[in-house]
Amino acid sequence: MSGRFIDMGYPKAVVAAALGLHRSTLYRSREKNSCREPEFDEGLAVSIRTILDQEETFGYRRVWAHLRFKEGFLVNNKESTPD
């Protein structure tokens, strides 16, 4: 809703004050709308399902460690994005 007012040319400070919001909220809400869909890696999902079928007591940290150190997957999105 606030995006329409900003697109019409109203200053962000005025829109935020009128709606009772902080200006940073307006920036954050506009960034959310422009986000891309997360990528789904089918191979990673199959590996996770296989690990969980074998080791039912594993939590997300142990699954991550198994993928990282035994199978060599880079499963942290910070590590897997190119510079």
N, C-alpha and C. Protein backbone atom coordinates (compact mmCIF):
# COMPACT_ATOMS: atom_id res chain seq x y z
N MET A 1 0.81 -1.18 0.00
CA MET A 1 0.00 0.00 0.00
C MET A 1 0.86 1.25 0.00
N SER A 2 1.90 1.27 0.82
CA SER A 2 2.76 2.45 0.90
C SER A 2 3.51 2.67 -0.40
N GLY A 3 3.77 1.59 -1.14
CA GLY A 3 4.48 1.71 -2.40
C GLY A 3 3.75 2.57 -3.42
N ARG A 4 2.43 2.52 -3.40
CA ARG A 4 1.66 3.34 -4.33
C ARG A 4 1.86 4.82 -4.05
N PHE A 5 1.88 5.20 -2.78
CA PHE A 5 2.09 6.60 -2.44
C PHE A 5 3.48 7.06 -2.82
N ILE A 6 4.46 6.21 -2.61
CA ILE A 6 5.84 6.55 -2.98
C ILE A 6 5.95 6.67 -4.49
N ASP A 7 5.30 5.76 -5.22
CA ASP A 7 5.32 5.82 -6.69
C ASP A 7 4.63 7.07 -7.20
N MET A 8 3.66 7.59 -6.45
CA MET A 8 2.96 8.80 -6.85
C MET A 8 3.80 10.05 -6.59
N GLY A 9 4.92 9.90 -5.90
CA GLY A 9 5.82 11.02 -5.70
C GLY A 9 5.85 11.59 -4.29
N TYR A 10 5.11 10.99 -3.36
CA TYR A 10 5.15 11.47 -1.98
C TYR A 10 6.48 11.09 -1.35
N PRO A 11 7.05 11.95 -0.54
CA PRO A 11 8.31 11.61 0.14
C PRO A 11 8.11 10.44 1.11
N LYS A 12 9.15 9.63 1.22
CA LYS A 12 9.07 8.46 2.10
C LYS A 12 8.84 8.86 3.55
N ALA A 13 9.42 9.97 3.98
CA ALA A 13 9.25 10.41 5.36
C ALA A 13 7.78 10.76 5.63
N VAL A 14 7.12 11.39 4.67
CA VAL A 14 5.72 11.77 4.84
C VAL A 14 4.83 10.53 4.86
N VAL A 15 5.09 9.60 3.96
CA VAL A 15 4.30 8.36 3.90
C VAL A 15 4.47 7.57 5.19
N ALA A 16 5.71 7.45 5.66
CA ALA A 16 5.98 6.71 6.89
C ALA A 16 5.28 7.36 8.08
N ALA A 17 5.34 8.67 8.16
CA ALA A 17 4.70 9.37 9.29
C ALA A 17 3.19 9.20 9.24
N ALA A 18 2.61 9.27 8.04
CA ALA A 18 1.16 9.15 7.91
C ALA A 18 0.68 7.75 8.28
N LEU A 19 1.50 6.73 7.98
CA LEU A 19 1.11 5.35 8.28
C LEU A 19 1.59 4.89 9.66
N GLY A 20 2.36 5.73 10.34
CA GLY A 20 2.86 5.36 11.66
C GLY A 20 3.96 4.32 11.60
N LEU A 21 4.78 4.39 10.56
CA LEU A 21 5.87 3.43 10.38
C LEU A 21 7.21 4.15 10.42
N HIS A 22 8.26 3.38 10.62
CA HIS A 22 9.60 3.91 10.46
C HIS A 22 9.94 3.90 8.98
N ARG A 23 10.80 4.84 8.57
CA ARG A 23 11.18 4.88 7.15
C ARG A 23 11.87 3.61 6.70
N SER A 24 12.66 3.00 7.58
CA SER A 24 13.37 1.78 7.21
C SER A 24 12.41 0.66 6.84
N THR A 25 11.22 0.66 7.42
CA THR A 25 10.22 -0.35 7.09
C THR A 25 9.78 -0.22 5.64
N LEU A 26 9.70 1.00 5.15
CA LEU A 26 9.31 1.21 3.76
C LEU A 26 10.36 0.65 2.81
N TYR A 27 11.63 0.85 3.13
CA TYR A 27 12.68 0.31 2.28
C TYR A 27 12.66 -1.21 2.31
N ARG A 28 12.48 -1.77 3.49
CA ARG A 28 12.47 -3.22 3.64
C ARG A 28 11.30 -3.84 2.89
N SER A 29 10.13 -3.23 2.97
CA SER A 29 8.96 -3.81 2.31
C SER A 29 9.09 -3.74 0.80
N ARG A 30 9.74 -2.72 0.26
CA ARG A 30 9.92 -2.63 -1.20
C ARG A 30 10.96 -3.64 -1.67
N GLU A 31 11.97 -3.92 -0.83
CA GLU A 31 12.97 -4.91 -1.19
C GLU A 31 12.36 -6.31 -1.24
N LYS A 32 11.42 -6.60 -0.33
CA LYS A 32 10.80 -7.92 -0.30
C LYS A 32 10.06 -8.20 -1.59
N ASN A 33 9.41 -7.20 -2.14
CA ASN A 33 8.63 -7.39 -3.35
C ASN A 33 9.51 -7.69 -4.56
N SER A 34 10.77 -7.26 -4.52
CA SER A 34 11.64 -7.46 -5.67
C SER A 34 12.55 -8.68 -5.52
N CYS A 35 12.36 -9.45 -4.46
CA CYS A 35 13.20 -10.63 -4.24
C CYS A 35 12.89 -11.71 -5.26
N ARG A 36 13.91 -12.47 -5.59
CA ARG A 36 13.71 -13.58 -6.51
C ARG A 36 13.37 -14.84 -5.74
N GLU A 37 12.79 -15.77 -6.41
CA GLU A 37 12.44 -17.05 -5.78
C GLU A 37 13.71 -17.81 -5.43
N PRO A 38 13.75 -18.47 -4.28
CA PRO A 38 14.92 -19.27 -3.94
C PRO A 38 15.05 -20.47 -4.88
N GLU A 39 16.28 -20.81 -5.17
CA GLU A 39 16.53 -21.94 -6.07
C GLU A 39 16.34 -23.25 -5.31
N PHE A 40 15.80 -24.23 -5.99
CA PHE A 40 15.58 -25.54 -5.39
C PHE A 40 16.54 -26.52 -6.04
N ASP A 41 17.37 -27.15 -5.24
CA ASP A 41 18.36 -28.11 -5.74
C ASP A 41 17.83 -29.51 -5.48
N GLU A 42 17.39 -30.18 -6.53
CA GLU A 42 16.79 -31.51 -6.41
C GLU A 42 17.80 -32.53 -5.87
N GLY A 43 19.05 -32.44 -6.31
CA GLY A 43 20.07 -33.37 -5.84
C GLY A 43 20.34 -33.23 -4.35
N LEU A 44 20.35 -32.00 -3.87
CA LEU A 44 20.55 -31.75 -2.45
C LEU A 44 19.37 -32.28 -1.64
N ALA A 45 18.16 -32.10 -2.14
CA ALA A 45 16.98 -32.59 -1.44
C ALA A 45 16.99 -34.12 -1.34
N VAL A 46 17.41 -34.77 -2.41
CA VAL A 46 17.50 -36.23 -2.39
C VAL A 46 18.56 -36.69 -1.39
N SER A 47 19.68 -36.00 -1.35
CA SER A 47 20.74 -36.35 -0.40
C SER A 47 20.26 -36.19 1.04
N ILE A 48 19.56 -35.11 1.31
CA ILE A 48 19.03 -34.88 2.66
C ILE A 48 18.05 -35.97 3.04
N ARG A 49 17.16 -36.33 2.11
CA ARG A 49 16.16 -37.38 2.40
C ARG A 49 16.86 -38.70 2.65
N THR A 50 17.92 -39.01 1.90
CA THR A 50 18.66 -40.26 2.08
C THR A 50 19.32 -40.30 3.46
N ILE A 51 19.94 -39.19 3.86
CA ILE A 51 20.59 -39.12 5.18
C ILE A 51 19.56 -39.32 6.28
N LEU A 52 18.41 -38.65 6.16
CA LEU A 52 17.39 -38.74 7.20
C LEU A 52 16.75 -40.12 7.24
N ASP A 53 16.69 -40.81 6.11
CA ASP A 53 16.16 -42.17 6.12
C ASP A 53 17.12 -43.13 6.83
N GLN A 54 18.43 -42.89 6.67
CA GLN A 54 19.42 -43.74 7.31
C GLN A 54 19.61 -43.40 8.79
N GLU A 55 19.62 -42.14 9.09
CA GLU A 55 19.88 -41.66 10.46
C GLU A 55 18.70 -40.82 10.92
N GLU A 56 17.70 -41.46 11.48
CA GLU A 56 16.47 -40.79 11.85
C GLU A 56 16.63 -39.77 12.97
N THR A 57 17.69 -39.89 13.76
CA THR A 57 17.86 -38.99 14.89
C THR A 57 18.67 -37.74 14.54
N PHE A 58 19.11 -37.62 13.32
CA PHE A 58 19.90 -36.46 12.92
C PHE A 58 19.02 -35.22 12.87
N GLY A 59 19.54 -34.12 13.40
CA GLY A 59 18.90 -32.83 13.27
C GLY A 59 19.53 -32.07 12.11
N TYR A 60 19.16 -30.81 11.96
CA TYR A 60 19.66 -30.06 10.81
C TYR A 60 21.16 -29.81 10.88
N ARG A 61 21.72 -29.70 12.09
CA ARG A 61 23.16 -29.46 12.19
C ARG A 61 23.96 -30.69 11.79
N ARG A 62 23.50 -31.87 12.20
CA ARG A 62 24.22 -33.09 11.84
C ARG A 62 24.05 -33.39 10.35
N VAL A 63 22.87 -33.09 9.81
CA VAL A 63 22.67 -33.27 8.37
C VAL A 63 23.61 -32.35 7.61
N TRP A 64 23.71 -31.08 8.05
CA TRP A 64 24.61 -30.14 7.41
C TRP A 64 26.05 -30.64 7.45
N ALA A 65 26.50 -31.11 8.62
CA ALA A 65 27.87 -31.60 8.77
C ALA A 65 28.12 -32.81 7.87
N HIS A 66 27.15 -33.69 7.79
CA HIS A 66 27.30 -34.88 6.92
C HIS A 66 27.42 -34.44 5.46
N LEU A 67 26.56 -33.53 5.04
CA LEU A 67 26.62 -33.06 3.66
C LEU A 67 27.93 -32.34 3.38
N ARG A 68 28.36 -31.52 4.31
CA ARG A 68 29.54 -30.68 4.10
C ARG A 68 30.83 -31.50 4.11
N PHE A 69 30.98 -32.35 5.10
CA PHE A 69 32.27 -33.00 5.29
C PHE A 69 32.37 -34.40 4.70
N LYS A 70 31.27 -35.11 4.59
CA LYS A 70 31.33 -36.46 4.03
C LYS A 70 30.99 -36.51 2.55
N GLU A 71 30.08 -35.64 2.12
CA GLU A 71 29.67 -35.67 0.72
C GLU A 71 30.23 -34.49 -0.09
N GLY A 72 30.78 -33.49 0.58
CA GLY A 72 31.42 -32.38 -0.12
C GLY A 72 30.48 -31.33 -0.68
N PHE A 73 29.22 -31.31 -0.23
CA PHE A 73 28.28 -30.28 -0.69
C PHE A 73 28.61 -28.96 -0.01
N LEU A 74 28.50 -27.86 -0.75
CA LEU A 74 28.55 -26.53 -0.16
C LEU A 74 27.10 -26.11 0.04
N VAL A 75 26.61 -26.26 1.26
CA VAL A 75 25.19 -26.06 1.50
C VAL A 75 24.87 -24.71 2.13
N ASN A 76 25.86 -23.89 2.41
CA ASN A 76 25.63 -22.56 2.94
C ASN A 76 25.48 -21.60 1.77
N ASN A 77 24.38 -20.84 1.71
CA ASN A 77 24.17 -19.99 0.57
C ASN A 77 25.24 -18.93 0.43
N LYS A 78 25.93 -18.56 1.49
CA LYS A 78 27.02 -17.59 1.40
C LYS A 78 28.23 -18.19 0.71
N GLU A 79 28.44 -19.48 0.89
CA GLU A 79 29.58 -20.14 0.28
C GLU A 79 29.32 -20.50 -1.17
N SER A 80 28.06 -20.75 -1.51
CA SER A 80 27.78 -21.27 -2.85
C SER A 80 27.51 -20.18 -3.88
N THR A 81 27.39 -18.91 -3.45
CA THR A 81 27.14 -17.86 -4.43
C THR A 81 28.45 -17.37 -4.99
N PRO A 82 28.54 -17.18 -6.31
CA PRO A 82 29.78 -16.70 -6.91
C PRO A 82 30.03 -15.24 -6.57
N ASP A 83 31.30 -14.84 -6.51
CA ASP A 83 31.65 -13.44 -6.22
C ASP A 83 31.39 -12.54 -7.39
